[in-house]
Amino acid sequence: MSTRNTLIQAAANLLDEGGEQAVTLRAVGHAAGVSHNAPYKHFTNRDALLAAVAAADLETLTTNFADIRGSEQAPKVKLLTAIGALIAFSRLRPSRYRLVFGAPTLAQKNPDLQACSSACLAEIMALVDECKCAKALPNAPTKSLASLLLAAMHGLVLLEAQGQLHAEKGLPTIEENMALMVSLFSR
């Protein structure tokens, strides 16, 4: 693994362990087992390193979505599986999820991150298009349907993270809510 990739992985691990405040270039260098100045040779600043972490996560999600889209499952199942992958990411890596989906200024400053974000969204829209062709979603604009689904999912993820969406309270899970939303759209 290259030093740059080692630094990105170290930053991702620090994010997982201590949140965004745990990620400093000095801490990343230490965690990667390189000098404290090594990160500066690969990243202009902390934001550039965080953008690289977000881009790597988006690339992984994009690959997962492409694999799901290439599967033999029914279009509606594919879409719900992709949404499930995003939900799983939010639970497994909450700090990285917030970085990827909750830091718009980071993306605005980084064209590579913008490109990764666009590629990831394109896979989601392709899944929505497949559902439209299979009559599992209405013949509405793809961008609108994808936006509504993602907004609902992100909102539910936030409610769950804040402790406001729990089965103990008799509330359905994010997955159950999203399945209901897709079903309602398909009527």
C-alpha atoms as a PDB file:
ATOM      1  CA  MET A   1       0.000   0.000   0.000  1.00  0.00           C
ATOM      2  CA  SER A   2       1.331   3.443  -0.886  1.00  0.00           C
ATOM      3  CA  THR A   3       2.128   5.981   1.842  1.00  0.00           C
ATOM      4  CA  ARG A   4      -0.787   8.131   0.657  1.00  0.00           C
ATOM      5  CA  ASN A   5      -3.230   5.216   0.971  1.00  0.00           C
ATOM      6  CA  THR A   6      -1.746   4.277   4.347  1.00  0.00           C
ATOM      7  CA  LEU A   7      -2.381   7.836   5.539  1.00  0.00           C
ATOM      8  CA  ILE A   8      -5.956   7.762   4.231  1.00  0.00           C
ATOM      9  CA  GLN A   9      -6.598   4.471   6.040  1.00  0.00           C
ATOM     10  CA  ALA A  10      -5.041   5.806   9.239  1.00  0.00           C
ATOM     11  CA  ALA A  11      -7.258   8.900   9.055  1.00  0.00           C
ATOM     12  CA  ALA A  12     -10.326   6.700   8.466  1.00  0.00           C
ATOM     13  CA  ASN A  13      -9.418   4.606  11.509  1.00  0.00           C
ATOM     14  CA  LEU A  14      -8.987   7.721  13.641  1.00  0.00           C
ATOM     15  CA  LEU A  15     -12.375   8.959  12.452  1.00  0.00           C
ATOM     16  CA  ASP A  16     -13.933   5.641  13.453  1.00  0.00           C
ATOM     17  CA  GLU A  17     -12.285   5.677  16.860  1.00  0.00           C
ATOM     18  CA  GLY A  18     -12.605   9.312  17.894  1.00  0.00           C
ATOM     19  CA  GLY A  19     -14.620  11.290  15.399  1.00  0.00           C
ATOM     20  CA  GLU A  20     -13.484  14.142  13.227  1.00  0.00           C
ATOM     21  CA  GLN A  21     -11.725  15.956  16.083  1.00  0.00           C
ATOM     22  CA  ALA A  22      -9.344  13.000  16.427  1.00  0.00           C
ATOM     23  CA  VAL A  23      -8.010  13.544  12.913  1.00  0.00           C
ATOM     24  CA  THR A  24      -5.006  15.825  12.852  1.00  0.00           C
ATOM     25  CA  LEU A  25      -2.174  15.505  10.371  1.00  0.00           C
ATOM     26  CA  ARG A  26       0.241  14.804  13.233  1.00  0.00           C
ATOM     27  CA  ALA A  27      -2.023  12.082  14.680  1.00  0.00           C
ATOM     28  CA  VAL A  28      -2.485  10.536  11.238  1.00  0.00           C
ATOM     29  CA  GLY A  29       1.280  10.408  10.687  1.00  0.00           C
ATOM     30  CA  HIS A  30       1.743   8.744  14.065  1.00  0.00           C
ATOM     31  CA  ALA A  31      -1.085   6.254  13.443  1.00  0.00           C
ATOM     32  CA  ALA A  32       0.348   5.418  10.018  1.00  0.00           C
ATOM     33  CA  GLY A  33       3.799   4.811  11.474  1.00  0.00           C
ATOM     34  CA  VAL A  34       5.439   7.583   9.470  1.00  0.00           C
ATOM     35  CA  SER A  35       6.964  10.902  10.480  1.00  0.00           C
ATOM     36  CA  HIS A  36       4.636  13.645  11.634  1.00  0.00           C
ATOM     37  CA  ASN A  37       5.621  15.633   8.516  1.00  0.00           C
ATOM     38  CA  ALA A  38       4.816  12.834   6.037  1.00  0.00           C
ATOM     39  CA  PRO A  39       1.107  13.746   5.694  1.00  0.00           C
ATOM     40  CA  TYR A  40       2.096  17.234   4.525  1.00  0.00           C
ATOM     41  CA  LYS A  41       3.914  15.690   1.555  1.00  0.00           C
ATOM     42  CA  HIS A  42       0.652  14.112   0.355  1.00  0.00           C
ATOM     43  CA  PHE A  43      -2.063  16.528   1.533  1.00  0.00           C
ATOM     44  CA  THR A  44      -2.051  20.310   1.552  1.00  0.00           C
ATOM     45  CA  ASN A  45      -4.060  20.396   4.785  1.00  0.00           C
ATOM     46  CA  ARG A  46      -6.419  18.443   7.021  1.00  0.00           C
ATOM     47  CA  ASP A  47      -9.416  19.152   4.784  1.00  0.00           C
ATOM     48  CA  ALA A  48      -7.613  17.632   1.804  1.00  0.00           C
ATOM     49  CA  LEU A  49      -6.952  14.490   3.849  1.00  0.00           C
ATOM     50  CA  LEU A  50     -10.585  14.321   5.027  1.00  0.00           C
ATOM     51  CA  ALA A  51     -11.730  14.774   1.426  1.00  0.00           C
ATOM     52  CA  ALA A  52      -9.536  11.826   0.424  1.00  0.00           C
ATOM     53  CA  VAL A  53     -11.127   9.693   3.168  1.00  0.00           C
ATOM     54  CA  ALA A  54     -14.613  10.684   1.992  1.00  0.00           C
ATOM     55  CA  ALA A  55     -13.673   9.995  -1.642  1.00  0.00           C
ATOM     56  CA  ALA A  56     -12.369   6.528  -0.738  1.00  0.00           C
ATOM     57  CA  ASP A  57     -15.610   5.714   1.080  1.00  0.00           C
ATOM     58  CA  LEU A  58     -17.680   6.990  -1.846  1.00  0.00           C
ATOM     59  CA  GLU A  59     -15.645   4.862  -4.256  1.00  0.00           C
ATOM     60  CA  THR A  60     -16.338   1.801  -2.105  1.00  0.00           C
ATOM     61  CA  LEU A  61     -20.062   2.600  -1.958  1.00  0.00           C
ATOM     62  CA  THR A  62     -20.147   3.196  -5.714  1.00  0.00           C
ATOM     63  CA  THR A  63     -18.516  -0.173  -6.371  1.00  0.00           C
ATOM     64  CA  ASN A  64     -20.988  -1.857  -4.002  1.00  0.00           C
ATOM     65  CA  PHE A  65     -23.926  -0.192  -5.761  1.00  0.00           C
ATOM     66  CA  ALA A  66     -22.597  -1.223  -9.185  1.00  0.00           C
ATOM     67  CA  ASP A  67     -22.264  -4.808  -7.944  1.00  0.00           C
ATOM     68  CA  ILE A  68     -25.825  -4.700  -6.596  1.00  0.00           C
ATOM     69  CA  ARG A  69     -27.072  -3.259  -9.881  1.00  0.00           C
ATOM     70  CA  GLY A  70     -25.329  -6.049 -11.790  1.00  0.00           C
ATOM     71  CA  SER A  71     -26.951  -8.756  -9.686  1.00  0.00           C
ATOM     72  CA  GLU A  72     -29.874 -10.913 -10.791  1.00  0.00           C
ATOM     73  CA  GLN A  73     -32.223  -9.532  -8.113  1.00  0.00           C
ATOM     74  CA  ALA A  74     -35.456  -7.750  -8.926  1.00  0.00           C
ATOM     75  CA  PRO A  75     -34.999  -3.968  -9.373  1.00  0.00           C
ATOM     76  CA  LYS A  76     -36.933  -3.099  -6.206  1.00  0.00           C
ATOM     77  CA  VAL A  77     -34.798  -5.540  -4.181  1.00  0.00           C
ATOM     78  CA  LYS A  78     -31.642  -4.038  -5.685  1.00  0.00           C
ATOM     79  CA  LEU A  79     -32.710  -0.525  -4.691  1.00  0.00           C
ATOM     80  CA  LEU A  80     -33.574  -1.572  -1.145  1.00  0.00           C
ATOM     81  CA  THR A  81     -30.296  -3.504  -0.900  1.00  0.00           C
ATOM     82  CA  ALA A  82     -28.348  -0.382  -1.921  1.00  0.00           C
ATOM     83  CA  ILE A  83     -30.265   1.717   0.594  1.00  0.00           C
ATOM     84  CA  GLY A  84     -29.531  -0.987   3.163  1.00  0.00           C
ATOM     85  CA  ALA A  85     -25.823  -0.676   2.387  1.00  0.00           C
ATOM     86  CA  LEU A  86     -25.985   3.056   3.100  1.00  0.00           C
ATOM     87  CA  ILE A  87     -27.838   2.426   6.346  1.00  0.00           C
ATOM     88  CA  ALA A  88     -25.267  -0.185   7.374  1.00  0.00           C
ATOM     89  CA  PHE A  89     -22.467   2.293   6.592  1.00  0.00           C
ATOM     90  CA  SER A  90     -24.170   4.915   8.790  1.00  0.00           C
ATOM     91  CA  ARG A  91     -24.319   2.483  11.704  1.00  0.00           C
ATOM     92  CA  LEU A  92     -20.884   0.938  11.284  1.00  0.00           C
ATOM     93  CA  ARG A  93     -19.010   4.155  10.509  1.00  0.00           C
ATOM     94  CA  PRO A  94     -21.086   7.072  11.882  1.00  0.00           C
ATOM     95  CA  SER A  95     -18.271   9.645  11.781  1.00  0.00           C
ATOM     96  CA  ARG A  96     -17.344   8.717   8.227  1.00  0.00           C
ATOM     97  CA  TYR A  97     -21.026   8.745   7.214  1.00  0.00           C
ATOM     98  CA  ARG A  98     -21.320  12.311   8.566  1.00  0.00           C
ATOM     99  CA  LEU A  99     -18.126  13.251   6.722  1.00  0.00           C
ATOM    100  CA  VAL A 100     -19.348  11.807   3.419  1.00  0.00           C
ATOM    101  CA  PHE A 101     -22.923  13.084   3.585  1.00  0.00           C
ATOM    102  CA  GLY A 102     -22.778  16.025   5.965  1.00  0.00           C
ATOM    103  CA  ALA A 103     -19.806  18.139   4.893  1.00  0.00           C
ATOM    104  CA  PRO A 104     -20.891  20.013   1.749  1.00  0.00           C
ATOM    105  CA  THR A 105     -18.156  22.648   1.969  1.00  0.00           C
ATOM    106  CA  LEU A 106     -15.548  19.896   1.861  1.00  0.00           C
ATOM    107  CA  ALA A 107     -16.949  18.673  -1.465  1.00  0.00           C
ATOM    108  CA  GLN A 108     -17.225  22.199  -2.852  1.00  0.00           C
ATOM    109  CA  LYS A 109     -13.491  22.687  -2.366  1.00  0.00           C
ATOM    110  CA  ASN A 110     -12.430  19.327  -3.789  1.00  0.00           C
ATOM    111  CA  PRO A 111     -13.153  18.375  -7.422  1.00  0.00           C
ATOM    112  CA  ASP A 112     -12.082  14.743  -6.874  1.00  0.00           C
ATOM    113  CA  LEU A 113     -14.586  14.381  -4.060  1.00  0.00           C
ATOM    114  CA  GLN A 114     -17.278  15.984  -6.218  1.00  0.00           C
ATOM    115  CA  ALA A 115     -16.562  13.458  -8.966  1.00  0.00           C
ATOM    116  CA  CYS A 116     -16.787  10.542  -6.509  1.00  0.00           C
ATOM    117  CA  SER A 117     -20.044  11.905  -5.144  1.00  0.00           C
ATOM    118  CA  SER A 118     -21.486  12.254  -8.636  1.00  0.00           C
ATOM    119  CA  ALA A 119     -20.474   8.705  -9.559  1.00  0.00           C
ATOM    120  CA  CYS A 120     -22.105   7.344  -6.412  1.00  0.00           C
ATOM    121  CA  LEU A 121     -25.305   9.279  -7.065  1.00  0.00           C
ATOM    122  CA  ALA A 122     -25.308   8.056 -10.677  1.00  0.00           C
ATOM    123  CA  GLU A 123     -25.407   4.449  -9.435  1.00  0.00           C
ATOM    124  CA  ILE A 124     -28.362   5.235  -7.169  1.00  0.00           C
ATOM    125  CA  MET A 125     -30.157   6.949 -10.053  1.00  0.00           C
ATOM    126  CA  ALA A 126     -29.486   3.943 -12.288  1.00  0.00           C
ATOM    127  CA  LEU A 127     -31.140   1.735  -9.668  1.00  0.00           C
ATOM    128  CA  VAL A 128     -34.106   4.125  -9.553  1.00  0.00           C
ATOM    129  CA  ASP A 129     -34.315   4.008 -13.365  1.00  0.00           C
ATOM    130  CA  GLU A 130     -34.385   0.200 -13.280  1.00  0.00           C
ATOM    131  CA  CYS A 131     -37.256   0.366 -10.796  1.00  0.00           C
ATOM    132  CA  LYS A 132     -39.118   2.806 -13.034  1.00  0.00           C
ATOM    133  CA  CYS A 133     -38.694   0.495 -16.042  1.00  0.00           C
ATOM    134  CA  ALA A 134     -39.983  -2.431 -13.968  1.00  0.00           C
ATOM    135  CA  LYS A 135     -42.955  -0.318 -12.800  1.00  0.00           C
ATOM    136  CA  ALA A 136     -41.716  -0.605  -9.194  1.00  0.00           C
ATOM    137  CA  LEU A 137     -41.524   3.195  -9.007  1.00  0.00           C
ATOM    138  CA  PRO A 138     -43.681   5.803 -10.733  1.00  0.00           C
ATOM    139  CA  ASN A 139     -42.670   7.431 -13.997  1.00  0.00           C
ATOM    140  CA  ALA A 140     -41.488  10.611 -12.254  1.00  0.00           C
ATOM    141  CA  PRO A 141     -38.162  12.381 -12.784  1.00  0.00           C
ATOM    142  CA  THR A 142     -35.363  10.080 -11.680  1.00  0.00           C
ATOM    143  CA  LYS A 143     -33.495  12.846  -9.861  1.00  0.00           C
ATOM    144  CA  SER A 144     -36.614  13.697  -7.874  1.00  0.00           C
ATOM    145  CA  LEU A 145     -37.286  10.103  -6.874  1.00  0.00           C
ATOM    146  CA  ALA A 146     -33.642   9.539  -5.899  1.00  0.00           C
ATOM    147  CA  SER A 147     -33.609  12.798  -3.923  1.00  0.00           C
ATOM    148  CA  LEU A 148     -36.773  11.892  -2.040  1.00  0.00           C
ATOM    149  CA  LEU A 149     -35.510   8.419  -1.195  1.00  0.00           C
ATOM    150  CA  LEU A 150     -32.097   9.665  -0.067  1.00  0.00           C
ATOM    151  CA  ALA A 151     -33.572  12.565   1.928  1.00  0.00           C
ATOM    152  CA  ALA A 152     -35.948  10.224   3.741  1.00  0.00           C
ATOM    153  CA  MET A 153     -33.171   7.738   4.439  1.00  0.00           C
ATOM    154  CA  HIS A 154     -30.740  10.417   5.684  1.00  0.00           C
ATOM    155  CA  GLY A 155     -33.469  11.877   7.886  1.00  0.00           C
ATOM    156  CA  LEU A 156     -34.261   8.480   9.369  1.00  0.00           C
ATOM    157  CA  VAL A 157     -30.554   7.812   9.929  1.00  0.00           C
ATOM    158  CA  LEU A 158     -30.334  11.109  11.816  1.00  0.00           C
ATOM    159  CA  LEU A 159     -33.390  10.257  13.931  1.00  0.00           C
ATOM    160  CA  GLU A 160     -31.888   6.892  14.792  1.00  0.00           C
ATOM    161  CA  ALA A 161     -28.493   8.422  15.633  1.00  0.00           C
ATOM    162  CA  GLN A 162     -30.210  10.902  17.962  1.00  0.00           C
ATOM    163  CA  GLY A 163     -32.043   8.087  19.739  1.00  0.00           C
ATOM    164  CA  GLN A 164     -35.463   9.072  18.435  1.00  0.00           C
ATOM    165  CA  LEU A 165     -36.125   5.996  16.285  1.00  0.00           C
ATOM    166  CA  HIS A 166     -36.137   2.830  18.347  1.00  0.00           C
ATOM    167  CA  ALA A 167     -38.059  -0.413  18.098  1.00  0.00           C
ATOM    168  CA  GLU A 168     -38.493  -0.266  21.889  1.00  0.00           C
ATOM    169  CA  LYS A 169     -40.677   2.797  21.314  1.00  0.00           C
ATOM    170  CA  GLY A 170     -42.757   0.835  18.827  1.00  0.00           C
ATOM    171  CA  LEU A 171     -41.270   2.639  15.838  1.00  0.00           C
ATOM    172  CA  PRO A 172     -40.295   0.804  12.656  1.00  0.00           C
ATOM    173  CA  THR A 173     -36.634   0.540  11.649  1.00  0.00           C
ATOM    174  CA  ILE A 174     -35.071   2.650   8.926  1.00  0.00           C
ATOM    175  CA  GLU A 175     -35.188  -0.381   6.643  1.00  0.00           C
ATOM    176  CA  GLU A 176     -38.899  -0.936   7.323  1.00  0.00           C
ATOM    177  CA  ASN A 177     -39.662   2.735   6.726  1.00  0.00           C
ATOM    178  CA  MET A 178     -37.731   2.771   3.445  1.00  0.00           C
ATOM    179  CA  ALA A 179     -39.422  -0.421   2.244  1.00  0.00           C
ATOM    180  CA  LEU A 180     -42.779   1.200   3.011  1.00  0.00           C
ATOM    181  CA  MET A 181     -41.786   4.365   1.149  1.00  0.00           C
ATOM    182  CA  VAL A 182     -40.753   2.417  -1.954  1.00  0.00           C
ATOM    183  CA  SER A 183     -43.989   0.425  -1.766  1.00  0.00           C
ATOM    184  CA  LEU A 184     -46.045   3.596  -1.474  1.00  0.00           C
ATOM    185  CA  PHE A 185     -44.240   5.078  -4.461  1.00  0.00           C
ATOM    186  CA  SER A 186     -44.987   1.983  -6.522  1.00  0.00           C
ATOM    187  CA  ARG A 187     -48.754   2.210  -6.058  1.00  0.00           C
END
